[in-house]
PDB file of N, CA and C in Angstrom:
ATOM      1  N   MET A   1    -210.992  25.700 -64.470  1.00  0.00           N
ATOM      2  CA  MET A   1    -211.834  25.506 -63.316  1.00  0.00           C
ATOM      3  C   MET A   1    -212.541  26.821 -63.002  1.00  0.00           C
ATOM      4  N   ALA A   2    -213.831  26.777 -62.902  1.00  0.00           N
ATOM      5  CA  ALA A   2    -214.619  27.976 -62.628  1.00  0.00           C
ATOM      6  C   ALA A   2    -214.727  28.199 -61.120  1.00  0.00           C
ATOM      7  N   THR A   3    -214.688  29.447 -60.755  1.00  0.00           N
ATOM      8  CA  THR A   3    -214.874  29.768 -59.338  1.00  0.00           C
ATOM      9  C   THR A   3    -216.272  30.341 -59.147  1.00  0.00           C
ATOM     10  N   THR A   4    -216.835  30.023 -58.054  1.00  0.00           N
ATOM     11  CA  THR A   4    -218.169  30.547 -57.766  1.00  0.00           C
ATOM     12  C   THR A   4    -218.090  31.525 -56.603  1.00  0.00           C
ATOM     13  N   LYS A   5    -218.866  32.558 -56.723  1.00  0.00           N
ATOM     14  CA  LYS A   5    -218.913  33.547 -55.647  1.00  0.00           C
ATOM     15  C   LYS A   5    -220.045  33.185 -54.701  1.00  0.00           C
ATOM     16  N   LYS A   6    -219.739  33.263 -53.454  1.00  0.00           N
ATOM     17  CA  LYS A   6    -220.780  33.049 -52.463  1.00  0.00           C
ATOM     18  C   LYS A   6    -221.359  34.412 -52.121  1.00  0.00           C
ATOM     19  N   THR A   7    -222.666  34.478 -52.148  1.00  0.00           N
ATOM     20  CA  THR A   7    -223.295  35.739 -51.764  1.00  0.00           C
ATOM     21  C   THR A   7    -223.639  35.676 -50.292  1.00  0.00           C
ATOM     22  N   VAL A   8    -223.314  36.728 -49.616  1.00  0.00           N
ATOM     23  CA  VAL A   8    -223.574  36.813 -48.188  1.00  0.00           C
ATOM     24  C   VAL A   8    -224.666  37.852 -47.979  1.00  0.00           C
ATOM     25  N   ALA A   9    -225.685  37.459 -47.277  1.00  0.00           N
ATOM     26  CA  ALA A   9    -226.766  38.403 -46.992  1.00  0.00           C
ATOM     27  C   ALA A   9    -226.226  39.482 -46.055  1.00  0.00           C
ATOM     28  N   PRO A  10    -226.601  40.721 -46.291  1.00  0.00           N
ATOM     29  CA  PRO A  10    -226.137  41.776 -45.401  1.00  0.00           C
ATOM     30  C   PRO A  10    -226.678  41.552 -43.992  1.00  0.00           C
ATOM     31  N   ALA A  11    -225.843  41.834 -43.022  1.00  0.00           N
ATOM     32  CA  ALA A  11    -226.250  41.650 -41.634  1.00  0.00           C
ATOM     33  C   ALA A  11    -227.322  42.671 -41.275  1.00  0.00           C
ATOM     34  N   LYS A  12    -228.339  42.189 -40.591  1.00  0.00           N
ATOM     35  CA  LYS A  12    -229.390  43.103 -40.151  1.00  0.00           C
ATOM     36  C   LYS A  12    -228.859  43.896 -38.965  1.00  0.00           C
ATOM     37  N   PRO A  13    -229.137  45.195 -38.934  1.00  0.00           N
ATOM     38  CA  PRO A  13    -228.700  45.970 -37.783  1.00  0.00           C
ATOM     39  C   PRO A  13    -229.404  45.463 -36.523  1.00  0.00           C
ATOM     40  N   GLU A  14    -228.670  45.436 -35.452  1.00  0.00           N
ATOM     41  CA  GLU A  14    -229.239  44.956 -34.199  1.00  0.00           C
ATOM     42  C   GLU A  14    -230.323  45.919 -33.716  1.00  0.00           C
ATOM     43  N   ARG A  15    -231.449  45.345 -33.319  1.00  0.00           N
ATOM     44  CA  ARG A  15    -232.550  46.152 -32.803  1.00  0.00           C
ATOM     45  C   ARG A  15    -232.616  45.945 -31.296  1.00  0.00           C
ATOM     46  N   LEU A  16    -232.491  47.044 -30.548  1.00  0.00           N
ATOM     47  CA  LEU A  16    -232.544  46.987 -29.095  1.00  0.00           C
ATOM     48  C   LEU A  16    -233.797  47.688 -28.603  1.00  0.00           C
ATOM     49  N   ILE A  17    -234.342  47.177 -27.507  1.00  0.00           N
ATOM     50  CA  ILE A  17    -235.512  47.789 -26.895  1.00  0.00           C
ATOM     51  C   ILE A  17    -235.163  48.176 -25.464  1.00  0.00           C
ATOM     52  N   TYR A  18    -235.635  49.353 -25.060  1.00  0.00           N
ATOM     53  CA  TYR A  18    -235.381  49.847 -23.707  1.00  0.00           C
ATOM     54  C   TYR A  18    -236.469  49.314 -22.788  1.00  0.00           C
ATOM     55  N   CYS A  19    -236.079  48.606 -21.732  1.00  0.00           N
ATOM     56  CA  CYS A  19    -237.033  47.974 -20.817  1.00  0.00           C
ATOM     57  C   CYS A  19    -237.138  48.682 -19.475  1.00  0.00           C
ATOM     58  N   GLY A  20    -236.491  49.812 -19.341  1.00  0.00           N
ATOM     59  CA  GLY A  20    -236.538  50.546 -18.080  1.00  0.00           C
ATOM     60  C   GLY A  20    -237.725  51.489 -18.012  1.00  0.00           C
ATOM     61  N   PRO A  21    -237.830  52.219 -16.904  1.00  0.00           N
ATOM     62  CA  PRO A  21    -238.927  53.172 -16.748  1.00  0.00           C
ATOM     63  C   PRO A  21    -238.732  54.399 -17.644  1.00  0.00           C
ATOM     64  N   ASN A  22    -239.825  55.128 -17.886  1.00  0.00           N
ATOM     65  CA  ASN A  22    -239.729  56.365 -18.658  1.00  0.00           C
ATOM     66  C   ASN A  22    -238.801  57.337 -17.950  1.00  0.00           C
ATOM     67  N   ILE A  23    -238.031  58.065 -18.729  1.00  0.00           N
ATOM     68  CA  ILE A  23    -237.158  59.106 -18.185  1.00  0.00           C
ATOM     69  C   ILE A  23    -237.885  60.438 -18.401  1.00  0.00           C
ATOM     70  N   PRO A  24    -238.069  61.216 -17.337  1.00  0.00           N
ATOM     71  CA  PRO A  24    -238.817  62.480 -17.464  1.00  0.00           C
ATOM     72  C   PRO A  24    -238.242  63.408 -18.535  1.00  0.00           C
ATOM     73  N   GLY A  25    -239.119  64.206 -19.092  1.00  0.00           N
ATOM     74  CA  GLY A  25    -238.711  65.152 -20.114  1.00  0.00           C
ATOM     75  C   GLY A  25    -238.696  64.561 -21.513  1.00  0.00           C
ATOM     76  N   GLY A  26    -239.211  63.357 -21.659  1.00  0.00           N
ATOM     77  CA  GLY A  26    -239.253  62.727 -22.975  1.00  0.00           C
ATOM     78  C   GLY A  26    -237.898  62.269 -23.473  1.00  0.00           C
ATOM     79  N   ILE A  27    -236.921  62.185 -22.578  1.00  0.00           N
ATOM     80  CA  ILE A  27    -235.572  61.765 -22.980  1.00  0.00           C
ATOM     81  C   ILE A  27    -235.580  60.332 -23.493  1.00  0.00           C
ATOM     82  N   LEU A  28    -236.313  59.463 -22.790  1.00  0.00           N
ATOM     83  CA  LEU A  28    -236.333  58.047 -23.145  1.00  0.00           C
ATOM     84  C   LEU A  28    -237.635  57.435 -22.649  1.00  0.00           C
ATOM     85  N   GLN A  29    -238.328  56.740 -23.538  1.00  0.00           N
ATOM     86  CA  GLN A  29    -239.596  56.101 -23.200  1.00  0.00           C
ATOM     87  C   GLN A  29    -239.417  54.589 -23.136  1.00  0.00           C
ATOM     88  N   ARG A  30    -240.132  53.987 -22.194  1.00  0.00           N
ATOM     89  CA  ARG A  30    -240.099  52.532 -22.073  1.00  0.00           C
ATOM     90  C   ARG A  30    -240.573  51.900 -23.379  1.00  0.00           C
ATOM     91  N   TYR A  31    -239.944  50.840 -23.766  1.00  0.00           N
ATOM     92  CA  TYR A  31    -240.221  50.069 -24.979  1.00  0.00           C
ATOM     93  C   TYR A  31    -239.860  50.791 -26.276  1.00  0.00           C
ATOM     94  N   ALA A  32    -239.035  51.823 -26.183  1.00  0.00           N
ATOM     95  CA  ALA A  32    -238.538  52.460 -27.405  1.00  0.00           C
ATOM     96  C   ALA A  32    -237.553  51.492 -28.063  1.00  0.00           C
ATOM     97  N   VAL A  33    -237.659  51.347 -29.378  1.00  0.00           N
ATOM     98  CA  VAL A  33    -236.809  50.422 -30.119  1.00  0.00           C
ATOM     99  C   VAL A  33    -235.805  51.229 -30.933  1.00  0.00           C
ATOM    100  N   TYR A  34    -234.550  50.815 -30.882  1.00  0.00           N
ATOM    101  CA  TYR A  34    -233.481  51.481 -31.614  1.00  0.00           C
ATOM    102  C   TYR A  34    -232.790  50.469 -32.510  1.00  0.00           C
ATOM    103  N   LYS A  35    -232.553  50.859 -33.739  1.00  0.00           N
ATOM    104  CA  LYS A  35    -231.898  49.998 -34.715  1.00  0.00           C
ATOM    105  C   LYS A  35    -230.429  50.393 -34.804  1.00  0.00           C
ATOM    106  N   GLY A  36    -229.563  49.405 -34.814  1.00  0.00           N
ATOM    107  CA  GLY A  36    -228.142  49.672 -34.983  1.00  0.00           C
ATOM    108  C   GLY A  36    -227.380  49.833 -33.679  1.00  0.00           C
ATOM    109  N   GLY A  37    -227.890  49.284 -32.595  1.00  0.00           N
ATOM    110  CA  GLY A  37    -227.188  49.349 -31.317  1.00  0.00           C
ATOM    111  C   GLY A  37    -227.698  50.462 -30.424  1.00  0.00           C
ATOM    112  N   LEU A  38    -226.915  50.765 -29.402  1.00  0.00           N
ATOM    113  CA  LEU A  38    -227.302  51.799 -28.451  1.00  0.00           C
ATOM    114  C   LEU A  38    -227.351  53.167 -29.123  1.00  0.00           C
ATOM    115  N   PRO A  39    -228.337  53.983 -28.781  1.00  0.00           N
ATOM    116  CA  PRO A  39    -228.458  55.301 -29.406  1.00  0.00           C
ATOM    117  C   PRO A  39    -227.347  56.247 -28.940  1.00  0.00           C
ATOM    118  N   ALA A  40    -226.624  56.788 -29.883  1.00  0.00           N
ATOM    119  CA  ALA A  40    -225.484  57.660 -29.571  1.00  0.00           C
ATOM    120  C   ALA A  40    -225.923  58.950 -28.885  1.00  0.00           C
ATOM    121  N   HIS A  41    -227.127  59.428 -29.190  1.00  0.00           N
ATOM    122  CA  HIS A  41    -227.564  60.699 -28.606  1.00  0.00           C
ATOM    123  C   HIS A  41    -227.860  60.598 -27.104  1.00  0.00           C
ATOM    124  N   LEU A  42    -227.807  59.394 -26.549  1.00  0.00           N
ATOM    125  CA  LEU A  42    -228.050  59.207 -25.117  1.00  0.00           C
ATOM    126  C   LEU A  42    -226.759  58.998 -24.321  1.00  0.00           C
ATOM    127  N   LYS A  43    -225.629  59.306 -24.922  1.00  0.00           N
ATOM    128  CA  LYS A  43    -224.333  59.089 -24.270  1.00  0.00           C
ATOM    129  C   LYS A  43    -224.262  59.781 -22.904  1.00  0.00           C
ATOM    130  N   ASP A  44    -224.726  61.023 -22.827  1.00  0.00           N
ATOM    131  CA  ASP A  44    -224.704  61.751 -21.557  1.00  0.00           C
ATOM    132  C   ASP A  44    -225.611  61.088 -20.518  1.00  0.00           C
ATOM    133  N   VAL A  45    -226.736  60.573 -20.968  1.00  0.00           N
ATOM    134  CA  VAL A  45    -227.676  59.889 -20.079  1.00  0.00           C
ATOM    135  C   VAL A  45    -227.019  58.639 -19.500  1.00  0.00           C
ATOM    136  N   PHE A  46    -226.315  57.883 -20.330  1.00  0.00           N
ATOM    137  CA  PHE A  46    -225.637  56.673 -19.870  1.00  0.00           C
ATOM    138  C   PHE A  46    -224.544  57.008 -18.851  1.00  0.00           C
ATOM    139  N   GLU A  47    -223.882  58.149 -19.034  1.00  0.00           N
ATOM    140  CA  GLU A  47    -222.830  58.547 -18.097  1.00  0.00           C
ATOM    141  C   GLU A  47    -223.417  58.930 -16.740  1.00  0.00           C
ATOM    142  N   LYS A  48    -224.585  59.588 -16.755  1.00  0.00           N
ATOM    143  CA  LYS A  48    -225.218  60.015 -15.508  1.00  0.00           C
ATOM    144  C   LYS A  48    -225.834  58.846 -14.749  1.00  0.00           C
ATOM    145  N   CYS A  49    -226.333  57.861 -15.477  1.00  0.00           N
ATOM    146  CA  CYS A  49    -226.971  56.697 -14.851  1.00  0.00           C
ATOM    147  C   CYS A  49    -226.653  55.451 -15.682  1.00  0.00           C
ATOM    148  N   PRO A  50    -225.539  54.788 -15.392  1.00  0.00           N
ATOM    149  CA  PRO A  50    -225.115  53.620 -16.180  1.00  0.00           C
ATOM    150  C   PRO A  50    -226.139  52.484 -16.221  1.00  0.00           C
ATOM    151  N   ALA A  51    -227.020  52.401 -15.236  1.00  0.00           N
ATOM    152  CA  ALA A  51    -228.020  51.325 -15.215  1.00  0.00           C
ATOM    153  C   ALA A  51    -228.966  51.424 -16.406  1.00  0.00           C
ATOM    154  N   ILE A  52    -229.184  52.622 -16.921  1.00  0.00           N
ATOM    155  CA  ILE A  52    -230.072  52.797 -18.079  1.00  0.00           C
ATOM    156  C   ILE A  52    -229.541  51.995 -19.264  1.00  0.00           C
ATOM    157  N   LYS A  53    -228.259  52.071 -19.480  1.00  0.00           N
ATOM    158  CA  LYS A  53    -227.626  51.367 -20.601  1.00  0.00           C
ATOM    159  C   LYS A  53    -227.839  49.854 -20.492  1.00  0.00           C
ATOM    160  N   LEU A  54    -227.861  49.362 -19.267  1.00  0.00           N
ATOM    161  CA  LEU A  54    -228.005  47.923 -19.040  1.00  0.00           C
ATOM    162  C   LEU A  54    -229.419  47.415 -19.298  1.00  0.00           C
ATOM    163  N   LEU A  55    -230.367  48.327 -19.406  1.00  0.00           N
ATOM    164  CA  LEU A  55    -231.761  47.935 -19.637  1.00  0.00           C
ATOM    165  C   LEU A  55    -232.148  47.946 -21.110  1.00  0.00           C
ATOM    166  N   PHE A  56    -231.179  48.055 -21.998  1.00  0.00           N
ATOM    167  CA  PHE A  56    -231.393  47.878 -23.437  1.00  0.00           C
ATOM    168  C   PHE A  56    -231.087  46.424 -23.758  1.00  0.00           C
ATOM    169  N   VAL A  57    -232.030  45.736 -24.369  1.00  0.00           N
ATOM    170  CA  VAL A  57    -231.850  44.321 -24.699  1.00  0.00           C
ATOM    171  C   VAL A  57    -232.296  44.075 -26.141  1.00  0.00           C
ATOM    172  N   PRO A  58    -231.818  43.004 -26.761  1.00  0.00           N
ATOM    173  CA  PRO A  58    -232.327  42.660 -28.093  1.00  0.00           C
ATOM    174  C   PRO A  58    -233.843  42.448 -28.030  1.00  0.00           C
ATOM    175  N   VAL A  59    -234.536  42.862 -29.064  1.00  0.00           N
ATOM    176  CA  VAL A  59    -236.000  42.768 -29.093  1.00  0.00           C
ATOM    177  C   VAL A  59    -236.479  41.340 -28.821  1.00  0.00           C
ATOM    178  N   VAL A  60    -235.756  40.356 -29.322  1.00  0.00           N
ATOM    179  CA  VAL A  60    -236.171  38.963 -29.129  1.00  0.00           C
ATOM    180  C   VAL A  60    -236.130  38.543 -27.650  1.00  0.00           C
ATOM    181  N   ASP A  61    -235.407  39.285 -26.813  1.00  0.00           N
ATOM    182  CA  ASP A  61    -235.287  38.955 -25.390  1.00  0.00           C
ATOM    183  C   ASP A  61    -236.250  39.736 -24.509  1.00  0.00           C
ATOM    184  N   LEU A  62    -237.173  40.475 -25.103  1.00  0.00           N
ATOM    185  CA  LEU A  62    -238.067  41.331 -24.328  1.00  0.00           C
ATOM    186  C   LEU A  62    -238.864  40.558 -23.279  1.00  0.00           C
ATOM    187  N   ALA A  63    -239.533  39.497 -23.657  1.00  0.00           N
ATOM    188  CA  ALA A  63    -240.383  38.750 -22.721  1.00  0.00           C
ATOM    189  C   ALA A  63    -239.578  38.218 -21.537  1.00  0.00           C
ATOM    190  N   LYS A  64    -238.425  37.643 -21.826  1.00  0.00           N
ATOM    191  CA  LYS A  64    -237.571  37.102 -20.771  1.00  0.00           C
ATOM    192  C   LYS A  64    -237.090  38.210 -19.839  1.00  0.00           C
ATOM    193  N   THR A  65    -236.714  39.346 -20.418  1.00  0.00           N
ATOM    194  CA  THR A  65    -236.215  40.465 -19.628  1.00  0.00           C
ATOM    195  C   THR A  65    -237.310  41.042 -18.739  1.00  0.00           C
ATOM    196  N   GLU A  66    -238.519  41.175 -19.284  1.00  0.00           N
ATOM    197  CA  GLU A  66    -239.641  41.679 -18.490  1.00  0.00           C
ATOM    198  C   GLU A  66    -239.889  40.768 -17.284  1.00  0.00           C
ATOM    199  N   GLN A  67    -239.741  39.495 -17.480  1.00  0.00           N
ATOM    200  CA  GLN A  67    -239.969  38.529 -16.402  1.00  0.00           C
ATOM    201  C   GLN A  67    -238.928  38.700 -15.296  1.00  0.00           C
ATOM    202  N   VAL A  68    -237.668  38.840 -15.668  1.00  0.00           N
ATOM    203  CA  VAL A  68    -236.631  38.967 -14.633  1.00  0.00           C
ATOM    204  C   VAL A  68    -236.625  40.354 -13.995  1.00  0.00           C
ATOM    205  N   ILE A  69    -237.090  41.380 -14.705  1.00  0.00           N
ATOM    206  CA  ILE A  69    -237.201  42.708 -14.102  1.00  0.00           C
ATOM    207  C   ILE A  69    -238.204  42.669 -12.951  1.00  0.00           C
ATOM    208  N   SER A  70    -239.254  41.887 -13.096  1.00  0.00           N
ATOM    209  CA  SER A  70    -240.285  41.824 -12.059  1.00  0.00           C
ATOM    210  C   SER A  70    -239.931  40.868 -10.917  1.00  0.00           C
ATOM    211  N   THR A  71    -238.782  40.213 -11.005  1.00  0.00           N
ATOM    212  CA  THR A  71    -238.341  39.285  -9.961  1.00  0.00           C
ATOM    213  C   THR A  71    -237.323  39.975  -9.059  1.00  0.00           C
ATOM    214  N   LYS A  72    -237.703  40.174  -7.787  1.00  0.00           N
ATOM    215  CA  LYS A  72    -236.799  40.838  -6.841  1.00  0.00           C
ATOM    216  C   LYS A  72    -235.495  40.069  -6.703  1.00  0.00           C
ATOM    217  N   GLY A  73    -234.416  40.830  -6.601  1.00  0.00           N
ATOM    218  CA  GLY A  73    -233.106  40.233  -6.400  1.00  0.00           C
ATOM    219  C   GLY A  73    -232.315  39.982  -7.669  1.00  0.00           C
ATOM    220  N   THR A  74    -232.957  40.079  -8.831  1.00  0.00           N
ATOM    221  CA  THR A  74    -232.217  39.879 -10.077  1.00  0.00           C
ATOM    222  C   THR A  74    -231.454  41.154 -10.411  1.00  0.00           C
ATOM    223  N   PRO A  75    -230.361  41.042 -11.148  1.00  0.00           N
ATOM    224  CA  PRO A  75    -229.639  42.260 -11.552  1.00  0.00           C
ATOM    225  C   PRO A  75    -230.543  43.228 -12.316  1.00  0.00           C
ATOM    226  N   GLU A  76    -231.396  42.692 -13.188  1.00  0.00           N
ATOM    227  CA  GLU A  76    -232.280  43.547 -13.984  1.00  0.00           C
ATOM    228  C   GLU A  76    -233.251  44.322 -13.095  1.00  0.00           C
ATOM    229  N   ASN A  77    -233.757  43.682 -12.052  1.00  0.00           N
ATOM    230  CA  ASN A  77    -234.653  44.359 -11.118  1.00  0.00           C
ATOM    231  C   ASN A  77    -233.905  45.464 -10.373  1.00  0.00           C
ATOM    232  N   THR A  78    -232.680  45.180  -9.986  1.00  0.00           N
ATOM    233  CA  THR A  78    -231.856  46.171  -9.293  1.00  0.00           C
ATOM    234  C   THR A  78    -231.592  47.372 -10.187  1.00  0.00           C
ATOM    235  N   TRP A  79    -231.275  47.141 -11.462  1.00  0.00           N
ATOM    236  CA  TRP A  79    -231.021  48.245 -12.395  1.00  0.00           C
ATOM    237  C   TRP A  79    -232.278  49.075 -12.585  1.00  0.00           C
ATOM    238  N   TYR A  80    -233.418  48.408 -12.726  1.00  0.00           N
ATOM    239  CA  TYR A  80    -234.692  49.106 -12.920  1.00  0.00           C
ATOM    240  C   TYR A  80    -234.973  50.017 -11.715  1.00  0.00           C
ATOM    241  N   GLN A  81    -234.796  49.462 -10.508  1.00  0.00           N
ATOM    242  CA  GLN A  81    -235.036  50.246  -9.288  1.00  0.00           C
ATOM    243  C   GLN A  81    -234.061  51.419  -9.175  1.00  0.00           C
ATOM    244  N   GLU A  82    -232.829  51.196  -9.598  1.00  0.00           N
ATOM    245  CA  GLU A  82    -231.821  52.257  -9.579  1.00  0.00           C
ATOM    246  C   GLU A  82    -232.234  53.411 -10.491  1.00  0.00           C
ATOM    247  N   VAL A  83    -232.751  53.088 -11.647  1.00  0.00           N
ATOM    248  CA  VAL A  83    -233.206  54.120 -12.587  1.00  0.00           C
ATOM    249  C   VAL A  83    -234.419  54.845 -12.004  1.00  0.00           C
ATOM    250  N   LEU A  84    -235.333  54.106 -11.386  1.00  0.00           N
ATOM    251  CA  LEU A  84    -236.509  54.735 -10.770  1.00  0.00           C
ATOM    252  C   LEU A  84    -236.111  55.725  -9.679  1.00  0.00           C
ATOM    253  N   LYS A  85    -235.155  55.340  -8.856  1.00  0.00           N
ATOM    254  CA  LYS A  85    -234.745  56.190  -7.736  1.00  0.00           C
ATOM    255  C   LYS A  85    -233.887  57.363  -8.173  1.00  0.00           C
ATOM    256  N   GLY A  86    -232.892  57.081  -8.988  1.00  0.00           N
ATOM    257  CA  GLY A  86    -231.939  58.118  -9.370  1.00  0.00           C
ATOM    258  C   GLY A  86    -232.243  58.735 -10.711  1.00  0.00           C
ATOM    259  N   GLY A  87    -232.379  57.884 -11.694  1.00  0.00           N
ATOM    260  CA  GLY A  87    -232.651  58.357 -13.044  1.00  0.00           C
ATOM    261  C   GLY A  87    -231.628  59.365 -13.522  1.00  0.00           C
ATOM    262  N   VAL A  88    -232.081  60.289 -14.318  1.00  0.00           N
ATOM    263  CA  VAL A  88    -231.223  61.329 -14.873  1.00  0.00           C
ATOM    264  C   VAL A  88    -231.744  62.649 -14.358  1.00  0.00           C
ATOM    265  N   LYS A  89    -230.864  63.405 -13.759  1.00  0.00           N
ATOM    266  CA  LYS A  89    -231.280  64.699 -13.202  1.00  0.00           C
ATOM    267  C   LYS A  89    -230.617  65.837 -13.914  1.00  0.00           C
TER     268      LYS A  89
END
């Protein structure tokens, strides 16, 4: 009896897009896309303002996220406003 090998396509790295406001100093720009999950070099930024981390979404969810960011009272709108007010200092 012959056995057959199933080939599995390699998983594509997750692509995330940042939907929050620009962070001064060029630290993070709105609509920056990162492949492979959250960018490790922003760990300190996430610690200073956890809301920034919450504004990274899969690229396929960009349109939906933009819509809820502009709707007052949504968690995404609250996070966006939090980043605008506090951001990273």
